[in-house]
Amino acid sequence: PAISDGLKVQEYALSYGSGIAGTLFNRVQSDVEAVEERADRYFEGPTLATVPESNAVREARSAGEPLLAHAPESAAAAAYREAARVLDPRDGDSGDVAERFRTAVIPDPP
């Protein structure tokens, strides 16, 4: 189900003219290399990060804190930092991004 959900999101983004920055896999429990191989088959763009299944994530959620504040040295936090490092929101035109978001959230009436 996770791959099919990801493919739906990718198709939705492409239908709105958004580029694909890459894929981030969350709660990875298996071999990271196998996950990345599957990603190459199905998704456009690079694998940004693979976030491992982590007790730190559950503990942060229970504490009502962001993961990076609650457990900044955890493997999951490191994976999110790695994904953030390669993303740059300034790469695109902010007006276009805002308009695509607005029309996705509040579609124009028929």
PDB file of N, CA and C in Angstrom:
ATOM      1  N   PRO A   1       0.806  -1.213   0.000  1.00  0.00           N
ATOM      2  CA  PRO A   1       0.000   0.000   0.000  1.00  0.00           C
ATOM      3  C   PRO A   1       0.849   1.277   0.000  1.00  0.00           C
ATOM      4  N   ALA A   2       2.013   1.274   0.664  1.00  0.00           N
ATOM      5  CA  ALA A   2       2.811   2.493   0.743  1.00  0.00           C
ATOM      6  C   ALA A   2       3.317   2.908  -0.634  1.00  0.00           C
ATOM      7  N   ILE A   3       3.742   1.950  -1.449  1.00  0.00           N
ATOM      8  CA  ILE A   3       4.222   2.295  -2.788  1.00  0.00           C
ATOM      9  C   ILE A   3       3.074   2.812  -3.637  1.00  0.00           C
ATOM     10  N   SER A   4       1.906   2.172  -3.559  1.00  0.00           N
ATOM     11  CA  SER A   4       0.779   2.659  -4.361  1.00  0.00           C
ATOM     12  C   SER A   4       0.346   4.047  -3.901  1.00  0.00           C
ATOM     13  N   ASP A   5       0.386   4.318  -2.602  1.00  0.00           N
ATOM     14  CA  ASP A   5       0.070   5.663  -2.107  1.00  0.00           C
ATOM     15  C   ASP A   5       1.089   6.674  -2.625  1.00  0.00           C
ATOM     16  N   GLY A   6       2.358   6.299  -2.603  1.00  0.00           N
ATOM     17  CA  GLY A   6       3.404   7.182  -3.110  1.00  0.00           C
ATOM     18  C   GLY A   6       3.240   7.467  -4.594  1.00  0.00           C
ATOM     19  N   LEU A   7       2.861   6.451  -5.352  1.00  0.00           N
ATOM     20  CA  LEU A   7       2.639   6.649  -6.784  1.00  0.00           C
ATOM     21  C   LEU A   7       1.476   7.598  -7.040  1.00  0.00           C
ATOM     22  N   LYS A   8       0.428   7.513  -6.213  1.00  0.00           N
ATOM     23  CA  LYS A   8      -0.705   8.438  -6.346  1.00  0.00           C
ATOM     24  C   LYS A   8      -0.260   9.871  -6.075  1.00  0.00           C
ATOM     25  N   VAL A   9       0.550  10.065  -5.043  1.00  0.00           N
ATOM     26  CA  VAL A   9       1.044  11.406  -4.724  1.00  0.00           C
ATOM     27  C   VAL A   9       1.915  11.928  -5.865  1.00  0.00           C
ATOM     28  N   GLN A  10       2.776  11.065  -6.395  1.00  0.00           N
ATOM     29  CA  GLN A  10       3.632  11.471  -7.511  1.00  0.00           C
ATOM     30  C   GLN A  10       2.784  11.881  -8.713  1.00  0.00           C
ATOM     31  N   GLU A  11       1.775  11.093  -9.045  1.00  0.00           N
ATOM     32  CA  GLU A  11       0.912  11.393 -10.182  1.00  0.00           C
ATOM     33  C   GLU A  11       0.164  12.704  -9.960  1.00  0.00           C
ATOM     34  N   TYR A  12      -0.301  12.930  -8.743  1.00  0.00           N
ATOM     35  CA  TYR A  12      -1.004  14.172  -8.397  1.00  0.00           C
ATOM     36  C   TYR A  12      -0.072  15.365  -8.590  1.00  0.00           C
ATOM     37  N   ALA A  13       1.149  15.266  -8.082  1.00  0.00           N
ATOM     38  CA  ALA A  13       2.112  16.366  -8.216  1.00  0.00           C
ATOM     39  C   ALA A  13       2.405  16.650  -9.684  1.00  0.00           C
ATOM     40  N   LEU A  14       2.613  15.608 -10.461  1.00  0.00           N
ATOM     41  CA  LEU A  14       2.909  15.796 -11.881  1.00  0.00           C
ATOM     42  C   LEU A  14       1.723  16.409 -12.621  1.00  0.00           C
ATOM     43  N   SER A  15       0.500  16.039 -12.227  1.00  0.00           N
ATOM     44  CA  SER A  15      -0.682  16.585 -12.898  1.00  0.00           C
ATOM     45  C   SER A  15      -0.830  18.082 -12.642  1.00  0.00           C
ATOM     46  N   TYR A  16      -0.244  18.591 -11.561  1.00  0.00           N
ATOM     47  CA  TYR A  16      -0.280  20.020 -11.257  1.00  0.00           C
ATOM     48  C   TYR A  16       0.983  20.735 -11.725  1.00  0.00           C
ATOM     49  N   GLY A  17       1.820  20.034 -12.477  1.00  0.00           N
ATOM     50  CA  GLY A  17       3.010  20.669 -13.011  1.00  0.00           C
ATOM     51  C   GLY A  17       4.151  20.803 -12.022  1.00  0.00           C
ATOM     52  N   SER A  18       4.057  20.120 -10.904  1.00  0.00           N
ATOM     53  CA  SER A  18       5.141  20.160  -9.921  1.00  0.00           C
ATOM     54  C   SER A  18       6.210  19.155 -10.314  1.00  0.00           C
ATOM     55  N   GLY A  19       7.437  19.520 -10.094  1.00  0.00           N
ATOM     56  CA  GLY A  19       8.514  18.571 -10.302  1.00  0.00           C
ATOM     57  C   GLY A  19       8.588  17.615  -9.121  1.00  0.00           C
ATOM     58  N   ILE A  20       9.329  16.561  -9.292  1.00  0.00           N
ATOM     59  CA  ILE A  20       9.516  15.586  -8.221  1.00  0.00           C
ATOM     60  C   ILE A  20      10.910  15.793  -7.646  1.00  0.00           C
ATOM     61  N   ALA A  21      10.968  16.226  -6.399  1.00  0.00           N
ATOM     62  CA  ALA A  21      12.265  16.454  -5.746  1.00  0.00           C
ATOM     63  C   ALA A  21      12.927  15.131  -5.401  1.00  0.00           C
ATOM     64  N   GLY A  22      12.115  14.141  -5.100  1.00  0.00           N
ATOM     65  CA  GLY A  22      12.640  12.842  -4.723  1.00  0.00           C
ATOM     66  C   GLY A  22      11.675  12.138  -3.799  1.00  0.00           C
ATOM     67  N   THR A  23      12.135  11.046  -3.248  1.00  0.00           N
ATOM     68  CA  THR A  23      11.303  10.205  -2.394  1.00  0.00           C
ATOM     69  C   THR A  23      11.946  10.092  -1.024  1.00  0.00           C
ATOM     70  N   LEU A  24      11.115  10.157   0.002  1.00  0.00           N
ATOM     71  CA  LEU A  24      11.562   9.957   1.375  1.00  0.00           C
ATOM     72  C   LEU A  24      10.776   8.769   1.919  1.00  0.00           C
ATOM     73  N   PHE A  25      11.483   7.749   2.340  1.00  0.00           N
ATOM     74  CA  PHE A  25      10.826   6.565   2.892  1.00  0.00           C
ATOM     75  C   PHE A  25      10.823   6.666   4.406  1.00  0.00           C
ATOM     76  N   ASN A  26       9.660   6.444   4.985  1.00  0.00           N
ATOM     77  CA  ASN A  26       9.452   6.609   6.417  1.00  0.00           C
ATOM     78  C   ASN A  26       9.203   5.253   7.070  1.00  0.00           C
ATOM     79  N   ARG A  27       9.688   5.089   8.283  1.00  0.00           N
ATOM     80  CA  ARG A  27       9.469   3.881   9.079  1.00  0.00           C
ATOM     81  C   ARG A  27      10.038   2.634   8.405  1.00  0.00           C
ATOM     82  N   VAL A  28      11.223   2.751   7.852  1.00  0.00           N
ATOM     83  CA  VAL A  28      11.863   1.643   7.147  1.00  0.00           C
ATOM     84  C   VAL A  28      12.320   0.595   8.152  1.00  0.00           C
ATOM     85  N   GLN A  29      11.875  -0.636   7.942  1.00  0.00           N
ATOM     86  CA  GLN A  29      12.237  -1.735   8.838  1.00  0.00           C
ATOM     87  C   GLN A  29      13.130  -2.758   8.155  1.00  0.00           C
ATOM     88  N   SER A  30      13.184  -2.708   6.832  1.00  0.00           N
ATOM     89  CA  SER A  30      13.941  -3.724   6.102  1.00  0.00           C
ATOM     90  C   SER A  30      15.233  -3.141   5.546  1.00  0.00           C
ATOM     91  N   ASP A  31      15.864  -3.899   4.694  1.00  0.00           N
ATOM     92  CA  ASP A  31      17.123  -3.524   4.079  1.00  0.00           C
ATOM     93  C   ASP A  31      16.972  -2.224   3.286  1.00  0.00           C
ATOM     94  N   VAL A  32      17.739  -1.212   3.651  1.00  0.00           N
ATOM     95  CA  VAL A  32      17.656   0.101   3.016  1.00  0.00           C
ATOM     96  C   VAL A  32      17.958   0.006   1.522  1.00  0.00           C
ATOM     97  N   GLU A  33      18.943  -0.776   1.150  1.00  0.00           N
ATOM     98  CA  GLU A  33      19.303  -0.901  -0.268  1.00  0.00           C
ATOM     99  C   GLU A  33      18.162  -1.496  -1.086  1.00  0.00           C
ATOM    100  N   ALA A  34      17.444  -2.454  -0.524  1.00  0.00           N
ATOM    101  CA  ALA A  34      16.302  -3.044  -1.228  1.00  0.00           C
ATOM    102  C   ALA A  34      15.197  -2.007  -1.416  1.00  0.00           C
ATOM    103  N   VAL A  35      14.974  -1.184  -0.402  1.00  0.00           N
ATOM    104  CA  VAL A  35      13.968  -0.124  -0.497  1.00  0.00           C
ATOM    105  C   VAL A  35      14.353   0.854  -1.604  1.00  0.00           C
ATOM    106  N   GLU A  36      15.615   1.243  -1.648  1.00  0.00           N
ATOM    107  CA  GLU A  36      16.068   2.189  -2.667  1.00  0.00           C
ATOM    108  C   GLU A  36      15.990   1.594  -4.075  1.00  0.00           C
ATOM    109  N   GLU A  37      16.248   0.299  -4.212  1.00  0.00           N
ATOM    110  CA  GLU A  37      16.121  -0.358  -5.521  1.00  0.00           C
ATOM    111  C   GLU A  37      14.674  -0.315  -6.005  1.00  0.00           C
ATOM    112  N   ARG A  38      13.731  -0.575  -5.100  1.00  0.00           N
ATOM    113  CA  ARG A  38      12.315  -0.494  -5.473  1.00  0.00           C
ATOM    114  C   ARG A  38      11.949   0.927  -5.865  1.00  0.00           C
ATOM    115  N   ALA A  39      12.488   1.888  -5.142  1.00  0.00           N
ATOM    116  CA  ALA A  39      12.200   3.293  -5.436  1.00  0.00           C
ATOM    117  C   ALA A  39      12.649   3.657  -6.839  1.00  0.00           C
ATOM    118  N   ASP A  40      13.820   3.190  -7.226  1.00  0.00           N
ATOM    119  CA  ASP A  40      14.337   3.486  -8.562  1.00  0.00           C
ATOM    120  C   ASP A  40      13.421   2.947  -9.653  1.00  0.00           C
ATOM    121  N   ARG A  41      12.746   1.843  -9.377  1.00  0.00           N
ATOM    122  CA  ARG A  41      11.838   1.250 -10.362  1.00  0.00           C
ATOM    123  C   ARG A  41      10.558   2.053 -10.528  1.00  0.00           C
ATOM    124  N   TYR A  42      10.059   2.642  -9.437  1.00  0.00           N
ATOM    125  CA  TYR A  42       8.724   3.229  -9.455  1.00  0.00           C
ATOM    126  C   TYR A  42       8.670   4.752  -9.419  1.00  0.00           C
ATOM    127  N   PHE A  43       9.658   5.400  -8.842  1.00  0.00           N
ATOM    128  CA  PHE A  43       9.546   6.832  -8.580  1.00  0.00           C
ATOM    129  C   PHE A  43      10.566   7.650  -9.348  1.00  0.00           C
ATOM    130  N   GLU A  44      10.147   8.864  -9.712  1.00  0.00           N
ATOM    131  CA  GLU A  44      11.061   9.806 -10.336  1.00  0.00           C
ATOM    132  C   GLU A  44      11.886  10.482  -9.247  1.00  0.00           C
ATOM    133  N   GLY A  45      13.047  10.939  -9.610  1.00  0.00           N
ATOM    134  CA  GLY A  45      13.891  11.658  -8.661  1.00  0.00           C
ATOM    135  C   GLY A  45      14.666  10.719  -7.759  1.00  0.00           C
ATOM    136  N   PRO A  46      15.589  11.280  -7.003  1.00  0.00           N
ATOM    137  CA  PRO A  46      16.437  10.476  -6.127  1.00  0.00           C
ATOM    138  C   PRO A  46      15.725  10.078  -4.836  1.00  0.00           C
ATOM    139  N   THR A  47      16.283   9.121  -4.143  1.00  0.00           N
ATOM    140  CA  THR A  47      15.832   8.826  -2.784  1.00  0.00           C
ATOM    141  C   THR A  47      16.496   9.851  -1.874  1.00  0.00           C
ATOM    142  N   LEU A  48      15.701  10.695  -1.238  1.00  0.00           N
ATOM    143  CA  LEU A  48      16.231  11.757  -0.383  1.00  0.00           C
ATOM    144  C   LEU A  48      16.756  11.206   0.929  1.00  0.00           C
ATOM    145  N   ALA A  49      16.023  10.245   1.489  1.00  0.00           N
ATOM    146  CA  ALA A  49      16.435   9.631   2.753  1.00  0.00           C
ATOM    147  C   ALA A  49      15.543   8.436   3.026  1.00  0.00           C
ATOM    148  N   THR A  50      16.035   7.548   3.871  1.00  0.00           N
ATOM    149  CA  THR A  50      15.232   6.448   4.391  1.00  0.00           C
ATOM    150  C   THR A  50      15.235   6.606   5.905  1.00  0.00           C
ATOM    151  N   VAL A  51      14.066   6.856   6.457  1.00  0.00           N
ATOM    152  CA  VAL A  51      13.920   7.103   7.890  1.00  0.00           C
ATOM    153  C   VAL A  51      13.615   5.772   8.568  1.00  0.00           C
ATOM    154  N   PRO A  52      14.483   5.324   9.457  1.00  0.00           N
ATOM    155  CA  PRO A  52      14.252   4.024  10.091  1.00  0.00           C
ATOM    156  C   PRO A  52      13.115   4.077  11.110  1.00  0.00           C
ATOM    157  N   GLU A  53      12.485   2.932  11.303  1.00  0.00           N
ATOM    158  CA  GLU A  53      11.516   2.780  12.398  1.00  0.00           C
ATOM    159  C   GLU A  53      12.257   3.124  13.682  1.00  0.00           C
ATOM    160  N   SER A  54      11.631   3.903  14.559  1.00  0.00           N
ATOM    161  CA  SER A  54      12.375   4.406  15.710  1.00  0.00           C
ATOM    162  C   SER A  54      11.477   4.645  16.917  1.00  0.00           C
ATOM    163  N   ASN A  55      11.939   4.187  18.074  1.00  0.00           N
ATOM    164  CA  ASN A  55      11.237   4.510  19.318  1.00  0.00           C
ATOM    165  C   ASN A  55      11.293   6.000  19.591  1.00  0.00           C
ATOM    166  N   ALA A  56      12.356   6.668  19.155  1.00  0.00           N
ATOM    167  CA  ALA A  56      12.501   8.108  19.388  1.00  0.00           C
ATOM    168  C   ALA A  56      11.349   8.887  18.757  1.00  0.00           C
ATOM    169  N   VAL A  57      10.880   8.432  17.609  1.00  0.00           N
ATOM    170  CA  VAL A  57       9.764   9.105  16.941  1.00  0.00           C
ATOM    171  C   VAL A  57       8.499   8.973  17.786  1.00  0.00           C
ATOM    172  N   ARG A  58       8.230   7.766  18.265  1.00  0.00           N
ATOM    173  CA  ARG A  58       7.041   7.554  19.108  1.00  0.00           C
ATOM    174  C   ARG A  58       7.142   8.350  20.404  1.00  0.00           C
ATOM    175  N   GLU A  59       8.330   8.373  21.007  1.00  0.00           N
ATOM    176  CA  GLU A  59       8.520   9.119  22.256  1.00  0.00           C
ATOM    177  C   GLU A  59       8.334  10.619  22.037  1.00  0.00           C
ATOM    178  N   ALA A  60       8.830  11.137  20.933  1.00  0.00           N
ATOM    179  CA  ALA A  60       8.664  12.564  20.630  1.00  0.00           C
ATOM    180  C   ALA A  60       7.188  12.896  20.449  1.00  0.00           C
ATOM    181  N   ARG A  61       6.472  12.031  19.727  1.00  0.00           N
ATOM    182  CA  ARG A  61       5.043  12.255  19.524  1.00  0.00           C
ATOM    183  C   ARG A  61       4.307  12.229  20.858  1.00  0.00           C
ATOM    184  N   SER A  62       4.623  11.268  21.721  1.00  0.00           N
ATOM    185  CA  SER A  62       3.977  11.184  23.038  1.00  0.00           C
ATOM    186  C   SER A  62       4.278  12.405  23.893  1.00  0.00           C
ATOM    187  N   ALA A  63       5.497  12.941  23.752  1.00  0.00           N
ATOM    188  CA  ALA A  63       5.898  14.120  24.527  1.00  0.00           C
ATOM    189  C   ALA A  63       5.369  15.415  23.910  1.00  0.00           C
ATOM    190  N   GLY A  64       4.794  15.320  22.714  1.00  0.00           N
ATOM    191  CA  GLY A  64       4.285  16.513  22.045  1.00  0.00           C
ATOM    192  C   GLY A  64       5.394  17.430  21.552  1.00  0.00           C
ATOM    193  N   GLU A  65       6.540  16.838  21.230  1.00  0.00           N
ATOM    194  CA  GLU A  65       7.694  17.616  20.781  1.00  0.00           C
ATOM    195  C   GLU A  65       8.103  17.195  19.374  1.00  0.00           C
ATOM    196  N   PRO A  66       8.674  18.120  18.610  1.00  0.00           N
ATOM    197  CA  PRO A  66       9.240  17.720  17.318  1.00  0.00           C
ATOM    198  C   PRO A  66      10.392  16.744  17.536  1.00  0.00           C
ATOM    199  N   LEU A  67      10.540  15.811  16.644  1.00  0.00           N
ATOM    200  CA  LEU A  67      11.603  14.816  16.765  1.00  0.00           C
ATOM    201  C   LEU A  67      12.974  15.468  16.881  1.00  0.00           C
ATOM    202  N   LEU A  68      13.242  16.481  16.074  1.00  0.00           N
ATOM    203  CA  LEU A  68      14.570  17.101  16.077  1.00  0.00           C
ATOM    204  C   LEU A  68      14.876  17.805  17.395  1.00  0.00           C
ATOM    205  N   ALA A  69      13.852  18.193  18.143  1.00  0.00           N
ATOM    206  CA  ALA A  69      14.076  18.783  19.469  1.00  0.00           C
ATOM    207  C   ALA A  69      14.167  17.696  20.532  1.00  0.00           C
ATOM    208  N   HIS A  70      13.344  16.666  20.395  1.00  0.00           N
ATOM    209  CA  HIS A  70      13.272  15.608  21.408  1.00  0.00           C
ATOM    210  C   HIS A  70      14.473  14.664  21.359  1.00  0.00           C
ATOM    211  N   ALA A  71      14.847  14.249  20.173  1.00  0.00           N
ATOM    212  CA  ALA A  71      15.942  13.273  20.024  1.00  0.00           C
ATOM    213  C   ALA A  71      16.799  13.653  18.814  1.00  0.00           C
ATOM    214  N   PRO A  72      17.513  14.768  18.908  1.00  0.00           N
ATOM    215  CA  PRO A  72      18.262  15.262  17.745  1.00  0.00           C
ATOM    216  C   PRO A  72      19.359  14.329  17.260  1.00  0.00           C
ATOM    217  N   GLU A  73      19.840  13.444  18.117  1.00  0.00           N
ATOM    218  CA  GLU A  73      20.923  12.540  17.722  1.00  0.00           C
ATOM    219  C   GLU A  73      20.418  11.182  17.241  1.00  0.00           C
ATOM    220  N   SER A  74      19.101  11.001  17.176  1.00  0.00           N
ATOM    221  CA  SER A  74      18.554   9.712  16.744  1.00  0.00           C
ATOM    222  C   SER A  74      18.789   9.510  15.248  1.00  0.00           C
ATOM    223  N   ALA A  75      18.766   8.252  14.832  1.00  0.00           N
ATOM    224  CA  ALA A  75      18.948   7.928  13.414  1.00  0.00           C
ATOM    225  C   ALA A  75      17.821   8.517  12.566  1.00  0.00           C
ATOM    226  N   ALA A  76      16.609   8.527  13.111  1.00  0.00           N
ATOM    227  CA  ALA A  76      15.482   9.095  12.369  1.00  0.00           C
ATOM    228  C   ALA A  76      15.678  10.594  12.162  1.00  0.00           C
ATOM    229  N   ALA A  77      16.116  11.303  13.192  1.00  0.00           N
ATOM    230  CA  ALA A  77      16.371  12.742  13.066  1.00  0.00           C
ATOM    231  C   ALA A  77      17.462  13.003  12.038  1.00  0.00           C
ATOM    232  N   ALA A  78      18.496  12.188  12.046  1.00  0.00           N
ATOM    233  CA  ALA A  78      19.588  12.344  11.075  1.00  0.00           C
ATOM    234  C   ALA A  78      19.070  12.160   9.648  1.00  0.00           C
ATOM    235  N   ALA A  79      18.167  11.206   9.454  1.00  0.00           N
ATOM    236  CA  ALA A  79      17.614  10.968   8.118  1.00  0.00           C
ATOM    237  C   ALA A  79      16.790  12.167   7.648  1.00  0.00           C
ATOM    238  N   TYR A  80      15.977  12.735   8.539  1.00  0.00           N
ATOM    239  CA  TYR A  80      15.198  13.920   8.163  1.00  0.00           C
ATOM    240  C   TYR A  80      16.111  15.102   7.860  1.00  0.00           C
ATOM    241  N   ARG A  81      17.184  15.264   8.636  1.00  0.00           N
ATOM    242  CA  ARG A  81      18.134  16.346   8.355  1.00  0.00           C
ATOM    243  C   ARG A  81      18.781  16.155   6.986  1.00  0.00           C
ATOM    244  N   GLU A  82      19.100  14.917   6.649  1.00  0.00           N
ATOM    245  CA  GLU A  82      19.704  14.634   5.344  1.00  0.00           C
ATOM    246  C   GLU A  82      18.747  15.010   4.216  1.00  0.00           C
ATOM    247  N   ALA A  83      17.479  14.660   4.353  1.00  0.00           N
ATOM    248  CA  ALA A  83      16.494  15.018   3.325  1.00  0.00           C
ATOM    249  C   ALA A  83      16.362  16.535   3.221  1.00  0.00           C
ATOM    250  N   ALA A  84      16.308  17.212   4.345  1.00  0.00           N
ATOM    251  CA  ALA A  84      16.184  18.673   4.343  1.00  0.00           C
ATOM    252  C   ALA A  84      17.408  19.331   3.717  1.00  0.00           C
ATOM    253  N   ARG A  85      18.561  18.732   3.905  1.00  0.00           N
ATOM    254  CA  ARG A  85      19.798  19.305   3.378  1.00  0.00           C
ATOM    255  C   ARG A  85      19.774  19.399   1.850  1.00  0.00           C
ATOM    256  N   VAL A  86      19.173  18.415   1.202  1.00  0.00           N
ATOM    257  CA  VAL A  86      19.187  18.405  -0.257  1.00  0.00           C
ATOM    258  C   VAL A  86      18.011  19.150  -0.888  1.00  0.00           C
ATOM    259  N   LEU A  87      17.037  19.542  -0.082  1.00  0.00           N
ATOM    260  CA  LEU A  87      15.891  20.289  -0.604  1.00  0.00           C
ATOM    261  C   LEU A  87      16.134  21.781  -0.447  1.00  0.00           C
ATOM    262  N   ASP A  88      15.773  22.548  -1.450  1.00  0.00           N
ATOM    263  CA  ASP A  88      15.909  23.997  -1.384  1.00  0.00           C
ATOM    264  C   ASP A  88      14.633  24.618  -1.938  1.00  0.00           C
ATOM    265  N   PRO A  89      13.775  25.150  -1.062  1.00  0.00           N
ATOM    266  CA  PRO A  89      12.508  25.710  -1.534  1.00  0.00           C
ATOM    267  C   PRO A  89      12.704  26.928  -2.423  1.00  0.00           C
ATOM    268  N   ARG A  90      13.889  27.489  -2.437  1.00  0.00           N
ATOM    269  CA  ARG A  90      14.137  28.668  -3.264  1.00  0.00           C
ATOM    270  C   ARG A  90      14.411  28.298  -4.712  1.00  0.00           C
ATOM    271  N   ASP A  91      14.486  27.011  -5.023  1.00  0.00           N
ATOM    272  CA  ASP A  91      14.765  26.598  -6.396  1.00  0.00           C
ATOM    273  C   ASP A  91      13.652  27.002  -7.360  1.00  0.00           C
ATOM    274  N   GLY A  92      12.419  27.038  -6.894  1.00  0.00           N
ATOM    275  CA  GLY A  92      11.292  27.350  -7.766  1.00  0.00           C
ATOM    276  C   GLY A  92      10.793  28.764  -7.546  1.00  0.00           C
ATOM    277  N   ASP A  93       9.842  29.157  -8.369  1.00  0.00           N
ATOM    278  CA  ASP A  93       9.215  30.462  -8.235  1.00  0.00           C
ATOM    279  C   ASP A  93       8.162  30.364  -7.136  1.00  0.00           C
ATOM    280  N   SER A  94       8.324  31.142  -6.077  1.00  0.00           N
ATOM    281  CA  SER A  94       7.428  31.031  -4.920  1.00  0.00           C
ATOM    282  C   SER A  94       5.989  31.359  -5.282  1.00  0.00           C
ATOM    283  N   GLY A  95       5.769  32.275  -6.213  1.00  0.00           N
ATOM    284  CA  GLY A  95       4.406  32.603  -6.626  1.00  0.00           C
ATOM    285  C   GLY A  95       3.721  31.423  -7.279  1.00  0.00           C
ATOM    286  N   ASP A  96       4.444  30.716  -8.146  1.00  0.00           N
ATOM    287  CA  ASP A  96       3.884  29.527  -8.790  1.00  0.00           C
ATOM    288  C   ASP A  96       3.579  28.439  -7.770  1.00  0.00           C
ATOM    289  N   VAL A  97       4.483  28.250  -6.827  1.00  0.00           N
ATOM    290  CA  VAL A  97       4.284  27.237  -5.791  1.00  0.00           C
ATOM    291  C   VAL A  97       3.045  27.572  -4.970  1.00  0.00           C
ATOM    292  N   ALA A  98       2.910  28.833  -4.566  1.00  0.00           N
ATOM    293  CA  ALA A  98       1.755  29.252  -3.765  1.00  0.00           C
ATOM    294  C   ALA A  98       0.456  29.063  -4.542  1.00  0.00           C
ATOM    295  N   GLU A  99       0.455  29.388  -5.827  1.00  0.00           N
ATOM    296  CA  GLU A  99      -0.756  29.234  -6.638  1.00  0.00           C
ATOM    297  C   GLU A  99      -1.124  27.767  -6.813  1.00  0.00           C
ATOM    298  N   ARG A 100      -0.143  26.902  -7.039  1.00  0.00           N
ATOM    299  CA  ARG A 100      -0.441  25.466  -7.153  1.00  0.00           C
ATOM    300  C   ARG A 100      -1.018  24.936  -5.850  1.00  0.00           C
ATOM    301  N   PHE A 101      -0.470  25.388  -4.723  1.00  0.00           N
ATOM    302  CA  PHE A 101      -0.986  24.952  -3.431  1.00  0.00           C
ATOM    303  C   PHE A 101      -2.419  25.447  -3.251  1.00  0.00           C
ATOM    304  N   ARG A 102      -2.667  26.722  -3.566  1.00  0.00           N
ATOM    305  CA  ARG A 102      -4.001  27.293  -3.397  1.00  0.00           C
ATOM    306  C   ARG A 102      -5.021  26.522  -4.228  1.00  0.00           C
ATOM    307  N   THR A 103      -4.696  26.230  -5.488  1.00  0.00           N
ATOM    308  CA  THR A 103      -5.669  25.537  -6.333  1.00  0.00           C
ATOM    309  C   THR A 103      -5.845  24.080  -5.932  1.00  0.00           C
ATOM    310  N   ALA A 104      -4.837  23.492  -5.317  1.00  0.00           N
ATOM    311  CA  ALA A 104      -4.974  22.111  -4.846  1.00  0.00           C
ATOM    312  C   ALA A 104      -5.841  22.047  -3.599  1.00  0.00           C
ATOM    313  N   VAL A 105      -5.696  23.046  -2.731  1.00  0.00           N
ATOM    314  CA  VAL A 105      -6.440  23.051  -1.470  1.00  0.00           C
ATOM    315  C   VAL A 105      -7.833  23.636  -1.653  1.00  0.00           C
ATOM    316  N   ILE A 106      -7.928  24.693  -2.460  1.00  0.00           N
ATOM    317  CA  ILE A 106      -9.210  25.357  -2.698  1.00  0.00           C
ATOM    318  C   ILE A 106      -9.437  25.382  -4.211  1.00  0.00           C
ATOM    319  N   PRO A 107      -9.959  24.305  -4.772  1.00  0.00           N
ATOM    320  CA  PRO A 107     -10.141  24.256  -6.229  1.00  0.00           C
ATOM    321  C   PRO A 107     -11.103  25.339  -6.713  1.00  0.00           C
ATOM    322  N   ASP A 108     -10.844  25.816  -7.929  1.00  0.00           N
ATOM    323  CA  ASP A 108     -11.757  26.779  -8.535  1.00  0.00           C
ATOM    324  C   ASP A 108     -13.097  26.099  -8.767  1.00  0.00           C
ATOM    325  N   PRO A 109     -14.204  26.835  -8.573  1.00  0.00           N
ATOM    326  CA  PRO A 109     -15.523  26.223  -8.792  1.00  0.00           C
ATOM    327  C   PRO A 109     -15.708  25.872 -10.269  1.00  0.00           C
ATOM    328  N   PRO A 110     -16.519  24.851 -10.542  1.00  0.00           N
ATOM    329  CA  PRO A 110     -16.743  24.432 -11.947  1.00  0.00           C
ATOM    330  C   PRO A 110     -17.481  25.481 -12.752  1.00  0.00           C
TER     331      PRO A 110
END
